Amino acid sequence: MKLITKEIERKAPALYSQESKSADETQVVAKFFDPCGAATWYMTEYVPDDRLAFGWVTLGFGPGCDELGYFSIAELESIRGALGLGIERDTHWEPCALSAVMNGGSTGA
């Protein structure tokens, strides 16, 4: 599955462009997940040339283990987990405030 579409590329703000915004003001434009695990990446910013994203990452280890950080789209595309399945993009995702996913309140559309 292609993780970044042209539409997502157009919608995603550039890295560092939202630094001064609160989590309520920052939009999550895409969600990626491991279909056989608990890891989820919520993208808020993206640089197409480097295929580098920034956002909220939860690996499913419980509270206190989630964090804001950078992640490589190329690396996500290379992952093959249980059953040989790769990371997928939530095709039904509707952008929402970063604060909603940080508080566990939004799972998308």
PDB file of N, CA and C in Angstrom:
ATOM      1  N   MET A   1       0.840  -1.181   0.000  1.00  0.00           N
ATOM      2  CA  MET A   1       0.000   0.000   0.000  1.00  0.00           C
ATOM      3  C   MET A   1       0.885   1.245   0.000  1.00  0.00           C
ATOM      4  N   LYS A   2       0.500   2.198  -0.814  1.00  0.00           N
ATOM      5  CA  LYS A   2       1.211   3.472  -0.843  1.00  0.00           C
ATOM      6  C   LYS A   2       0.771   4.286   0.378  1.00  0.00           C
ATOM      7  N   LEU A   3       1.713   4.649   1.214  1.00  0.00           N
ATOM      8  CA  LEU A   3       1.367   5.350   2.450  1.00  0.00           C
ATOM      9  C   LEU A   3       1.072   6.831   2.226  1.00  0.00           C
ATOM     10  N   ILE A   4       1.825   7.459   1.340  1.00  0.00           N
ATOM     11  CA  ILE A   4       1.633   8.886   1.090  1.00  0.00           C
ATOM     12  C   ILE A   4       1.077   9.079  -0.318  1.00  0.00           C
ATOM     13  N   THR A   5      -0.117   9.626  -0.388  1.00  0.00           N
ATOM     14  CA  THR A   5      -0.728   9.949  -1.680  1.00  0.00           C
ATOM     15  C   THR A   5      -0.429  11.408  -2.018  1.00  0.00           C
ATOM     16  N   LYS A   6      -0.699  11.786  -3.239  1.00  0.00           N
ATOM     17  CA  LYS A   6      -0.517  13.193  -3.640  1.00  0.00           C
ATOM     18  C   LYS A   6      -1.427  14.100  -2.814  1.00  0.00           C
ATOM     19  N   GLU A   7      -2.631  13.637  -2.507  1.00  0.00           N
ATOM     20  CA  GLU A   7      -3.559  14.423  -1.698  1.00  0.00           C
ATOM     21  C   GLU A   7      -3.004  14.657  -0.290  1.00  0.00           C
ATOM     22  N   ILE A   8      -2.460  13.624   0.321  1.00  0.00           N
ATOM     23  CA  ILE A   8      -1.864  13.769   1.653  1.00  0.00           C
ATOM     24  C   ILE A   8      -0.666  14.707   1.576  1.00  0.00           C
ATOM     25  N   GLU A   9       0.141  14.566   0.542  1.00  0.00           N
ATOM     26  CA  GLU A   9       1.293  15.457   0.355  1.00  0.00           C
ATOM     27  C   GLU A   9       0.860  16.914   0.306  1.00  0.00           C
ATOM     28  N   ARG A  10      -0.236  17.187  -0.397  1.00  0.00           N
ATOM     29  CA  ARG A  10      -0.740  18.560  -0.516  1.00  0.00           C
ATOM     30  C   ARG A  10      -1.277  19.080   0.825  1.00  0.00           C
ATOM     31  N   LYS A  11      -1.925  18.214   1.592  1.00  0.00           N
ATOM     32  CA  LYS A  11      -2.545  18.623   2.857  1.00  0.00           C
ATOM     33  C   LYS A  11      -1.555  18.782   4.003  1.00  0.00           C
ATOM     34  N   ALA A  12      -0.469  18.030   3.959  1.00  0.00           N
ATOM     35  CA  ALA A  12       0.460  17.997   5.093  1.00  0.00           C
ATOM     36  C   ALA A  12       1.315  19.257   5.163  1.00  0.00           C
ATOM     37  N   PRO A  13       1.296  19.925   6.293  1.00  0.00           N
ATOM     38  CA  PRO A  13       2.177  21.078   6.477  1.00  0.00           C
ATOM     39  C   PRO A  13       3.644  20.639   6.499  1.00  0.00           C
ATOM     40  N   ALA A  14       4.516  21.566   6.180  1.00  0.00           N
ATOM     41  CA  ALA A  14       5.950  21.293   6.204  1.00  0.00           C
ATOM     42  C   ALA A  14       6.438  21.117   7.642  1.00  0.00           C
ATOM     43  N   LEU A  15       7.555  20.400   7.792  1.00  0.00           N
ATOM     44  CA  LEU A  15       8.153  20.241   9.123  1.00  0.00           C
ATOM     45  C   LEU A  15       8.397  21.604   9.762  1.00  0.00           C
ATOM     46  N   TYR A  16       8.184  21.684  11.037  1.00  0.00           N
ATOM     47  CA  TYR A  16       8.400  22.862  11.885  1.00  0.00           C
ATOM     48  C   TYR A  16       7.380  23.979  11.672  1.00  0.00           C
ATOM     49  N   SER A  17       6.457  23.825  10.724  1.00  0.00           N
ATOM     50  CA  SER A  17       5.510  24.904  10.438  1.00  0.00           C
ATOM     51  C   SER A  17       4.437  25.047  11.511  1.00  0.00           C
ATOM     52  N   GLN A  18       4.313  24.069  12.390  1.00  0.00           N
ATOM     53  CA  GLN A  18       3.270  24.122  13.409  1.00  0.00           C
ATOM     54  C   GLN A  18       3.825  24.179  14.825  1.00  0.00           C
ATOM     55  N   GLU A  19       5.130  24.446  14.935  1.00  0.00           N
ATOM     56  CA  GLU A  19       5.782  24.452  16.254  1.00  0.00           C
ATOM     57  C   GLU A  19       5.107  25.353  17.271  1.00  0.00           C
ATOM     58  N   SER A  20       4.604  26.483  16.822  1.00  0.00           N
ATOM     59  CA  SER A  20       4.009  27.433  17.769  1.00  0.00           C
ATOM     60  C   SER A  20       2.535  27.149  18.038  1.00  0.00           C
ATOM     61  N   LYS A  21       1.975  26.151  17.389  1.00  0.00           N
ATOM     62  CA  LYS A  21       0.559  25.817  17.576  1.00  0.00           C
ATOM     63  C   LYS A  21       0.369  24.846  18.734  1.00  0.00           C
ATOM     64  N   SER A  22      -0.773  24.951  19.361  1.00  0.00           N
ATOM     65  CA  SER A  22      -1.113  24.012  20.429  1.00  0.00           C
ATOM     66  C   SER A  22      -1.592  22.696  19.809  1.00  0.00           C
ATOM     67  N   ALA A  23      -1.723  21.669  20.624  1.00  0.00           N
ATOM     68  CA  ALA A  23      -2.216  20.378  20.142  1.00  0.00           C
ATOM     69  C   ALA A  23      -3.655  20.490  19.653  1.00  0.00           C
ATOM     70  N   ASP A  24      -4.408  21.441  20.184  1.00  0.00           N
ATOM     71  CA  ASP A  24      -5.783  21.664  19.715  1.00  0.00           C
ATOM     72  C   ASP A  24      -5.808  22.295  18.329  1.00  0.00           C
ATOM     73  N   GLU A  25      -4.775  23.067  17.998  1.00  0.00           N
ATOM     74  CA  GLU A  25      -4.704  23.755  16.706  1.00  0.00           C
ATOM     75  C   GLU A  25      -4.025  22.924  15.614  1.00  0.00           C
ATOM     76  N   THR A  26      -3.236  21.945  16.011  1.00  0.00           N
ATOM     77  CA  THR A  26      -2.479  21.120  15.065  1.00  0.00           C
ATOM     78  C   THR A  26      -3.347  19.983  14.551  1.00  0.00           C
ATOM     79  N   GLN A  27      -3.373  19.812  13.244  1.00  0.00           N
ATOM     80  CA  GLN A  27      -4.185  18.772  12.616  1.00  0.00           C
ATOM     81  C   GLN A  27      -3.372  17.522  12.302  1.00  0.00           C
ATOM     82  N   VAL A  28      -3.963  16.374  12.560  1.00  0.00           N
ATOM     83  CA  VAL A  28      -3.397  15.092  12.147  1.00  0.00           C
ATOM     84  C   VAL A  28      -3.959  14.827  10.758  1.00  0.00           C
ATOM     85  N   VAL A  29      -3.081  14.776   9.752  1.00  0.00           N
ATOM     86  CA  VAL A  29      -3.543  14.649   8.366  1.00  0.00           C
ATOM     87  C   VAL A  29      -3.568  13.212   7.857  1.00  0.00           C
ATOM     88  N   ALA A  30      -2.866  12.303   8.537  1.00  0.00           N
ATOM     89  CA  ALA A  30      -2.855  10.901   8.099  1.00  0.00           C
ATOM     90  C   ALA A  30      -2.563   9.994   9.284  1.00  0.00           C
ATOM     91  N   LYS A  31      -3.065   8.778   9.185  1.00  0.00           N
ATOM     92  CA  LYS A  31      -2.846   7.771  10.224  1.00  0.00           C
ATOM     93  C   LYS A  31      -2.327   6.502   9.564  1.00  0.00           C
ATOM     94  N   PHE A  32      -1.253   5.944  10.128  1.00  0.00           N
ATOM     95  CA  PHE A  32      -0.659   4.696   9.654  1.00  0.00           C
ATOM     96  C   PHE A  32      -0.663   3.718  10.820  1.00  0.00           C
ATOM     97  N   PHE A  33      -0.849   2.435  10.525  1.00  0.00           N
ATOM     98  CA  PHE A  33      -0.945   1.463  11.615  1.00  0.00           C
ATOM     99  C   PHE A  33      -0.438   0.095  11.185  1.00  0.00           C
ATOM    100  N   ASP A  34      -0.066  -0.694  12.190  1.00  0.00           N
ATOM    101  CA  ASP A  34       0.340  -2.076  11.995  1.00  0.00           C
ATOM    102  C   ASP A  34      -0.930  -2.922  12.100  1.00  0.00           C
ATOM    103  N   PRO A  35      -1.358  -3.585  11.020  1.00  0.00           N
ATOM    104  CA  PRO A  35      -2.604  -4.347  11.059  1.00  0.00           C
ATOM    105  C   PRO A  35      -2.560  -5.571  11.980  1.00  0.00           C
ATOM    106  N   CYS A  36      -1.371  -5.961  12.400  1.00  0.00           N
ATOM    107  CA  CYS A  36      -1.235  -7.129  13.292  1.00  0.00           C
ATOM    108  C   CYS A  36      -0.674  -6.751  14.650  1.00  0.00           C
ATOM    109  N   GLY A  37      -0.675  -5.471  14.966  1.00  0.00           N
ATOM    110  CA  GLY A  37      -0.107  -5.022  16.234  1.00  0.00           C
ATOM    111  C   GLY A  37      -0.779  -3.754  16.699  1.00  0.00           C
ATOM    112  N   ALA A  38      -0.179  -3.119  17.673  1.00  0.00           N
ATOM    113  CA  ALA A  38      -0.771  -1.925  18.282  1.00  0.00           C
ATOM    114  C   ALA A  38      -0.096  -0.624  17.854  1.00  0.00           C
ATOM    115  N   ALA A  39       0.974  -0.686  17.081  1.00  0.00           N
ATOM    116  CA  ALA A  39       1.707   0.523  16.698  1.00  0.00           C
ATOM    117  C   ALA A  39       0.877   1.383  15.744  1.00  0.00           C
ATOM    118  N   THR A  40       0.865   2.692  16.032  1.00  0.00           N
ATOM    119  CA  THR A  40       0.126   3.649  15.205  1.00  0.00           C
ATOM    120  C   THR A  40       0.925   4.935  15.117  1.00  0.00           C
ATOM    121  N   TRP A  41       0.955   5.512  13.914  1.00  0.00           N
ATOM    122  CA  TRP A  41       1.654   6.766  13.656  1.00  0.00           C
ATOM    123  C   TRP A  41       0.636   7.769  13.135  1.00  0.00           C
ATOM    124  N   TYR A  42       0.528   8.927  13.805  1.00  0.00           N
ATOM    125  CA  TYR A  42      -0.395   9.986  13.415  1.00  0.00           C
ATOM    126  C   TYR A  42       0.435  11.150  12.864  1.00  0.00           C
ATOM    127  N   MET A  43       0.377  11.393  11.568  1.00  0.00           N
ATOM    128  CA  MET A  43       1.239  12.384  10.919  1.00  0.00           C
ATOM    129  C   MET A  43       0.625  13.779  10.948  1.00  0.00           C
ATOM    130  N   THR A  44       1.426  14.739  11.413  1.00  0.00           N
ATOM    131  CA  THR A  44       0.996  16.142  11.440  1.00  0.00           C
ATOM    132  C   THR A  44       1.786  17.005  10.467  1.00  0.00           C
ATOM    133  N   GLU A  45       2.990  16.587  10.104  1.00  0.00           N
ATOM    134  CA  GLU A  45       3.849  17.360   9.193  1.00  0.00           C
ATOM    135  C   GLU A  45       4.630  16.388   8.318  1.00  0.00           C
ATOM    136  N   TYR A  46       5.074  16.893   7.154  1.00  0.00           N
ATOM    137  CA  TYR A  46       5.748  16.002   6.202  1.00  0.00           C
ATOM    138  C   TYR A  46       6.639  16.791   5.252  1.00  0.00           C
ATOM    139  N   VAL A  47       7.789  16.193   4.905  1.00  0.00           N
ATOM    140  CA  VAL A  47       8.706  16.745   3.903  1.00  0.00           C
ATOM    141  C   VAL A  47       8.837  15.717   2.782  1.00  0.00           C
ATOM    142  N   PRO A  48       8.225  15.973   1.625  1.00  0.00           N
ATOM    143  CA  PRO A  48       8.239  14.995   0.531  1.00  0.00           C
ATOM    144  C   PRO A  48       9.644  14.610   0.039  1.00  0.00           C
ATOM    145  N   ASP A  49      10.544  15.568  -0.064  1.00  0.00           N
ATOM    146  CA  ASP A  49      11.883  15.272  -0.589  1.00  0.00           C
ATOM    147  C   ASP A  49      12.619  14.235   0.248  1.00  0.00           C
ATOM    148  N   ASP A  50      12.474  14.316   1.554  1.00  0.00           N
ATOM    149  CA  ASP A  50      13.156  13.392   2.462  1.00  0.00           C
ATOM    150  C   ASP A  50      12.259  12.238   2.907  1.00  0.00           C
ATOM    151  N   ARG A  51      10.959  12.344   2.578  1.00  0.00           N
ATOM    152  CA  ARG A  51       9.959  11.363   3.024  1.00  0.00           C
ATOM    153  C   ARG A  51      10.008  11.208   4.547  1.00  0.00           C
ATOM    154  N   LEU A  52      10.170  12.355   5.206  1.00  0.00           N
ATOM    155  CA  LEU A  52      10.268  12.409   6.656  1.00  0.00           C
ATOM    156  C   LEU A  52       8.999  13.043   7.221  1.00  0.00           C
ATOM    157  N   ALA A  53       8.430  12.403   8.218  1.00  0.00           N
ATOM    158  CA  ALA A  53       7.194  12.879   8.830  1.00  0.00           C
ATOM    159  C   ALA A  53       7.413  13.167  10.308  1.00  0.00           C
ATOM    160  N   PHE A  54       6.482  13.911  10.865  1.00  0.00           N
ATOM    161  CA  PHE A  54       6.482  14.211  12.293  1.00  0.00           C
ATOM    162  C   PHE A  54       5.063  14.006  12.794  1.00  0.00           C
ATOM    163  N   GLY A  55       4.949  13.506  14.010  1.00  0.00           N
ATOM    164  CA  GLY A  55       3.626  13.341  14.584  1.00  0.00           C
ATOM    165  C   GLY A  55       3.650  12.548  15.868  1.00  0.00           C
ATOM    166  N   TRP A  56       2.479  12.112  16.267  1.00  0.00           N
ATOM    167  CA  TRP A  56       2.271  11.354  17.496  1.00  0.00           C
ATOM    168  C   TRP A  56       2.447   9.878  17.193  1.00  0.00           C
ATOM    169  N   VAL A  57       3.302   9.215  17.945  1.00  0.00           N
ATOM    170  CA  VAL A  57       3.595   7.799  17.730  1.00  0.00           C
ATOM    171  C   VAL A  57       3.252   7.024  18.990  1.00  0.00           C
ATOM    172  N   THR A  58       2.471   5.982  18.806  1.00  0.00           N
ATOM    173  CA  THR A  58       2.157   5.094  19.916  1.00  0.00           C
ATOM    174  C   THR A  58       2.486   3.667  19.490  1.00  0.00           C
ATOM    175  N   LEU A  59       3.291   3.013  20.278  1.00  0.00           N
ATOM    176  CA  LEU A  59       3.702   1.651  19.953  1.00  0.00           C
ATOM    177  C   LEU A  59       2.869   0.607  20.704  1.00  0.00           C
ATOM    178  N   GLY A  60       1.915   1.084  21.476  1.00  0.00           N
ATOM    179  CA  GLY A  60       1.003   0.174  22.154  1.00  0.00           C
ATOM    180  C   GLY A  60       1.495  -0.387  23.464  1.00  0.00           C
ATOM    181  N   PHE A  61       2.495   0.242  24.076  1.00  0.00           N
ATOM    182  CA  PHE A  61       3.032  -0.244  25.348  1.00  0.00           C
ATOM    183  C   PHE A  61       2.353   0.382  26.554  1.00  0.00           C
ATOM    184  N   GLY A  62       1.339   1.202  26.324  1.00  0.00           N
ATOM    185  CA  GLY A  62       0.608   1.813  27.425  1.00  0.00           C
ATOM    186  C   GLY A  62       0.968   3.264  27.641  1.00  0.00           C
ATOM    187  N   PRO A  63       0.253   3.906  28.557  1.00  0.00           N
ATOM    188  CA  PRO A  63       0.481   5.324  28.854  1.00  0.00           C
ATOM    189  C   PRO A  63       1.934   5.592  29.245  1.00  0.00           C
ATOM    190  N   GLY A  64       2.418   6.733  28.804  1.00  0.00           N
ATOM    191  CA  GLY A  64       3.787   7.102  29.137  1.00  0.00           C
ATOM    192  C   GLY A  64       4.806   6.662  28.103  1.00  0.00           C
ATOM    193  N   CYS A  65       4.403   5.828  27.178  1.00  0.00           N
ATOM    194  CA  CYS A  65       5.325   5.348  26.144  1.00  0.00           C
ATOM    195  C   CYS A  65       5.057   5.988  24.786  1.00  0.00           C
ATOM    196  N   ASP A  66       4.009   6.789  24.682  1.00  0.00           N
ATOM    197  CA  ASP A  66       3.685   7.474  23.431  1.00  0.00           C
ATOM    198  C   ASP A  66       4.462   8.788  23.385  1.00  0.00           C
ATOM    199  N   GLU A  67       4.775   9.261  22.155  1.00  0.00           N
ATOM    200  CA  GLU A  67       5.529  10.506  22.076  1.00  0.00           C
ATOM    201  C   GLU A  67       5.404  11.169  20.722  1.00  0.00           C
ATOM    202  N   LEU A  68       5.682  12.459  20.710  1.00  0.00           N
ATOM    203  CA  LEU A  68       5.820  13.196  19.464  1.00  0.00           C
ATOM    204  C   LEU A  68       7.212  12.928  18.927  1.00  0.00           C
ATOM    205  N   GLY A  69       7.323  12.710  17.627  1.00  0.00           N
ATOM    206  CA  GLY A  69       8.636  12.465  17.067  1.00  0.00           C
ATOM    207  C   GLY A  69       8.615  12.339  15.557  1.00  0.00           C
ATOM    208  N   TYR A  70       9.800  12.155  15.007  1.00  0.00           N
ATOM    209  CA  TYR A  70       9.983  12.014  13.567  1.00  0.00           C
ATOM    210  C   TYR A  70       9.919  10.545  13.193  1.00  0.00           C
ATOM    211  N   PHE A  71       9.434  10.269  11.990  1.00  0.00           N
ATOM    212  CA  PHE A  71       9.465   8.909  11.465  1.00  0.00           C
ATOM    213  C   PHE A  71       9.606   8.945   9.950  1.00  0.00           C
ATOM    214  N   SER A  72      10.291   7.959   9.440  1.00  0.00           N
ATOM    215  CA  SER A  72      10.570   7.849   8.009  1.00  0.00           C
ATOM    216  C   SER A  72       9.465   7.050   7.322  1.00  0.00           C
ATOM    217  N   ILE A  73       8.873   7.638   6.307  1.00  0.00           N
ATOM    218  CA  ILE A  73       7.851   6.922   5.542  1.00  0.00           C
ATOM    219  C   ILE A  73       8.486   5.747   4.808  1.00  0.00           C
ATOM    220  N   ALA A  74       9.687   5.917   4.290  1.00  0.00           N
ATOM    221  CA  ALA A  74      10.379   4.811   3.607  1.00  0.00           C
ATOM    222  C   ALA A  74      10.594   3.640   4.566  1.00  0.00           C
ATOM    223  N   GLU A  75      10.951   3.950   5.810  1.00  0.00           N
ATOM    224  CA  GLU A  75      11.149   2.891   6.804  1.00  0.00           C
ATOM    225  C   GLU A  75       9.827   2.188   7.121  1.00  0.00           C
ATOM    226  N   LEU A  76       8.748   2.963   7.278  1.00  0.00           N
ATOM    227  CA  LEU A  76       7.449   2.341   7.532  1.00  0.00           C
ATOM    228  C   LEU A  76       7.062   1.406   6.387  1.00  0.00           C
ATOM    229  N   GLU A  77       7.342   1.830   5.148  1.00  0.00           N
ATOM    230  CA  GLU A  77       7.000   1.003   3.984  1.00  0.00           C
ATOM    231  C   GLU A  77       7.825  -0.277   3.924  1.00  0.00           C
ATOM    232  N   SER A  78       8.987  -0.288   4.557  1.00  0.00           N
ATOM    233  CA  SER A  78       9.851  -1.472   4.519  1.00  0.00           C
ATOM    234  C   SER A  78       9.507  -2.509   5.586  1.00  0.00           C
ATOM    235  N   ILE A  79       8.694  -2.130   6.552  1.00  0.00           N
ATOM    236  CA  ILE A  79       8.370  -3.035   7.664  1.00  0.00           C
ATOM    237  C   ILE A  79       7.460  -4.163   7.200  1.00  0.00           C
ATOM    238  N   ARG A  80       7.806  -5.369   7.602  1.00  0.00           N
ATOM    239  CA  ARG A  80       6.952  -6.546   7.402  1.00  0.00           C
ATOM    240  C   ARG A  80       6.830  -7.215   8.753  1.00  0.00           C
ATOM    241  N   GLY A  81       5.644  -7.185   9.289  1.00  0.00           N
ATOM    242  CA  GLY A  81       5.418  -7.730  10.623  1.00  0.00           C
ATOM    243  C   GLY A  81       4.827  -9.120  10.560  1.00  0.00           C
ATOM    244  N   ALA A  82       4.012  -9.409  11.546  1.00  0.00           N
ATOM    245  CA  ALA A  82       3.347 -10.707  11.643  1.00  0.00           C
ATOM    246  C   ALA A  82       2.589 -10.999  10.351  1.00  0.00           C
ATOM    247  N   LEU A  83       2.661 -12.215   9.922  1.00  0.00           N
ATOM    248  CA  LEU A  83       1.985 -12.684   8.712  1.00  0.00           C
ATOM    249  C   LEU A  83       2.519 -12.027   7.438  1.00  0.00           C
ATOM    250  N   GLY A  84       3.648 -11.328   7.540  1.00  0.00           N
ATOM    251  CA  GLY A  84       4.245 -10.685   6.377  1.00  0.00           C
ATOM    252  C   GLY A  84       3.531  -9.425   5.924  1.00  0.00           C
ATOM    253  N   LEU A  85       2.636  -8.924   6.756  1.00  0.00           N
ATOM    254  CA  LEU A  85       1.882  -7.724   6.397  1.00  0.00           C
ATOM    255  C   LEU A  85       2.681  -6.467   6.705  1.00  0.00           C
ATOM    256  N   GLY A  86       2.498  -5.450   5.871  1.00  0.00           N
ATOM    257  CA  GLY A  86       3.186  -4.185   6.065  1.00  0.00           C
ATOM    258  C   GLY A  86       2.313  -3.173   6.786  1.00  0.00           C
ATOM    259  N   ILE A  87       2.890  -2.032   7.066  1.00  0.00           N
ATOM    260  CA  ILE A  87       2.168  -0.929   7.681  1.00  0.00           C
ATOM    261  C   ILE A  87       1.133  -0.429   6.675  1.00  0.00           C
ATOM    262  N   GLU A  88      -0.033  -0.073   7.167  1.00  0.00           N
ATOM    263  CA  GLU A  88      -1.111   0.392   6.302  1.00  0.00           C
ATOM    264  C   GLU A  88      -1.511   1.816   6.643  1.00  0.00           C
ATOM    265  N   ARG A  89      -2.146   2.473   5.683  1.00  0.00           N
ATOM    266  CA  ARG A  89      -2.703   3.814   5.894  1.00  0.00           C
ATOM    267  C   ARG A  89      -4.197   3.652   6.134  1.00  0.00           C
ATOM    268  N   ASP A  90      -4.713   4.367   7.102  1.00  0.00           N
ATOM    269  CA  ASP A  90      -6.144   4.364   7.365  1.00  0.00           C
ATOM    270  C   ASP A  90      -6.808   5.164   6.247  1.00  0.00           C
ATOM    271  N   THR A  91      -7.441   4.460   5.307  1.00  0.00           N
ATOM    272  CA  THR A  91      -8.042   5.119   4.143  1.00  0.00           C
ATOM    273  C   THR A  91      -9.331   5.859   4.486  1.00  0.00           C
ATOM    274  N   HIS A  92      -9.843   5.670   5.682  1.00  0.00           N
ATOM    275  CA  HIS A  92     -11.069   6.352   6.115  1.00  0.00           C
ATOM    276  C   HIS A  92     -10.780   7.483   7.095  1.00  0.00           C
ATOM    277  N   TRP A  93      -9.498   7.778   7.284  1.00  0.00           N
ATOM    278  CA  TRP A  93      -9.090   8.792   8.254  1.00  0.00           C
ATOM    279  C   TRP A  93      -9.621  10.165   7.868  1.00  0.00           C
ATOM    280  N   GLU A  94     -10.175  10.857   8.840  1.00  0.00           N
ATOM    281  CA  GLU A  94     -10.591  12.251   8.687  1.00  0.00           C
ATOM    282  C   GLU A  94      -9.696  13.084   9.592  1.00  0.00           C
ATOM    283  N   PRO A  95      -9.069  14.141   9.056  1.00  0.00           N
ATOM    284  CA  PRO A  95      -8.202  14.963   9.895  1.00  0.00           C
ATOM    285  C   PRO A  95      -8.909  15.424  11.168  1.00  0.00           C
ATOM    286  N   CYS A  96      -8.136  15.447  12.243  1.00  0.00           N
ATOM    287  CA  CYS A  96      -8.664  15.874  13.537  1.00  0.00           C
ATOM    288  C   CYS A  96      -7.538  16.552  14.299  1.00  0.00           C
ATOM    289  N   ALA A  97      -7.884  17.133  15.419  1.00  0.00           N
ATOM    290  CA  ALA A  97      -6.895  17.809  16.255  1.00  0.00           C
ATOM    291  C   ALA A  97      -5.933  16.789  16.870  1.00  0.00           C
ATOM    292  N   LEU A  98      -4.679  17.155  16.935  1.00  0.00           N
ATOM    293  CA  LEU A  98      -3.667  16.309  17.566  1.00  0.00           C
ATOM    294  C   LEU A  98      -4.055  15.986  19.001  1.00  0.00           C
ATOM    295  N   SER A  99      -4.644  16.922  19.695  1.00  0.00           N
ATOM    296  CA  SER A  99      -5.039  16.698  21.088  1.00  0.00           C
ATOM    297  C   SER A  99      -6.003  15.510  21.218  1.00  0.00           C
ATOM    298  N   ALA A 100      -6.831  15.283  20.219  1.00  0.00           N
ATOM    299  CA  ALA A 100      -7.790  14.169  20.262  1.00  0.00           C
ATOM    300  C   ALA A 100      -7.075  12.826  20.266  1.00  0.00           C
ATOM    301  N   VAL A 101      -6.041  12.669  19.437  1.00  0.00           N
ATOM    302  CA  VAL A 101      -5.340  11.388  19.408  1.00  0.00           C
ATOM    303  C   VAL A 101      -4.397  11.248  20.596  1.00  0.00           C
ATOM    304  N   MET A 102      -3.853  12.351  21.069  1.00  0.00           N
ATOM    305  CA  MET A 102      -2.971  12.293  22.233  1.00  0.00           C
ATOM    306  C   MET A 102      -3.744  11.853  23.475  1.00  0.00           C
ATOM    307  N   ASN A 103      -5.014  12.178  23.503  1.00  0.00           N
ATOM    308  CA  ASN A 103      -5.861  11.817  24.640  1.00  0.00           C
ATOM    309  C   ASN A 103      -6.643  10.540  24.387  1.00  0.00           C
ATOM    310  N   GLY A 104      -6.349   9.879  23.279  1.00  0.00           N
ATOM    311  CA  GLY A 104      -7.020   8.631  22.964  1.00  0.00           C
ATOM    312  C   GLY A 104      -8.465   8.790  22.547  1.00  0.00           C
ATOM    313  N   GLY A 105      -8.866  10.006  22.166  1.00  0.00           N
ATOM    314  CA  GLY A 105     -10.270  10.249  21.865  1.00  0.00           C
ATOM    315  C   GLY A 105     -10.695  10.049  20.436  1.00  0.00           C
ATOM    316  N   SER A 106      -9.758   9.964  19.488  1.00  0.00           N
ATOM    317  CA  SER A 106     -10.160   9.836  18.083  1.00  0.00           C
ATOM    318  C   SER A 106      -9.479   8.658  17.454  1.00  0.00           C
ATOM    319  N   THR A 107     -10.240   7.906  16.736  1.00  0.00           N
ATOM    320  CA  THR A 107      -9.674   6.790  15.964  1.00  0.00           C
ATOM    321  C   THR A 107      -9.925   6.995  14.487  1.00  0.00           C
ATOM    322  N   GLY A 108     -10.364   8.166  14.100  1.00  0.00           N
ATOM    323  CA  GLY A 108     -10.636   8.444  12.697  1.00  0.00           C
ATOM    324  C   GLY A 108     -12.114   8.376  12.403  1.00  0.00           C
ATOM    325  N   ALA A 109     -12.426   8.319  11.119  1.00  0.00           N
ATOM    326  CA  ALA A 109     -13.822   8.336  10.675  1.00  0.00           C
ATOM    327  C   ALA A 109     -14.542   7.064  11.017  1.00  0.00           C
TER     328      ALA A 109
END
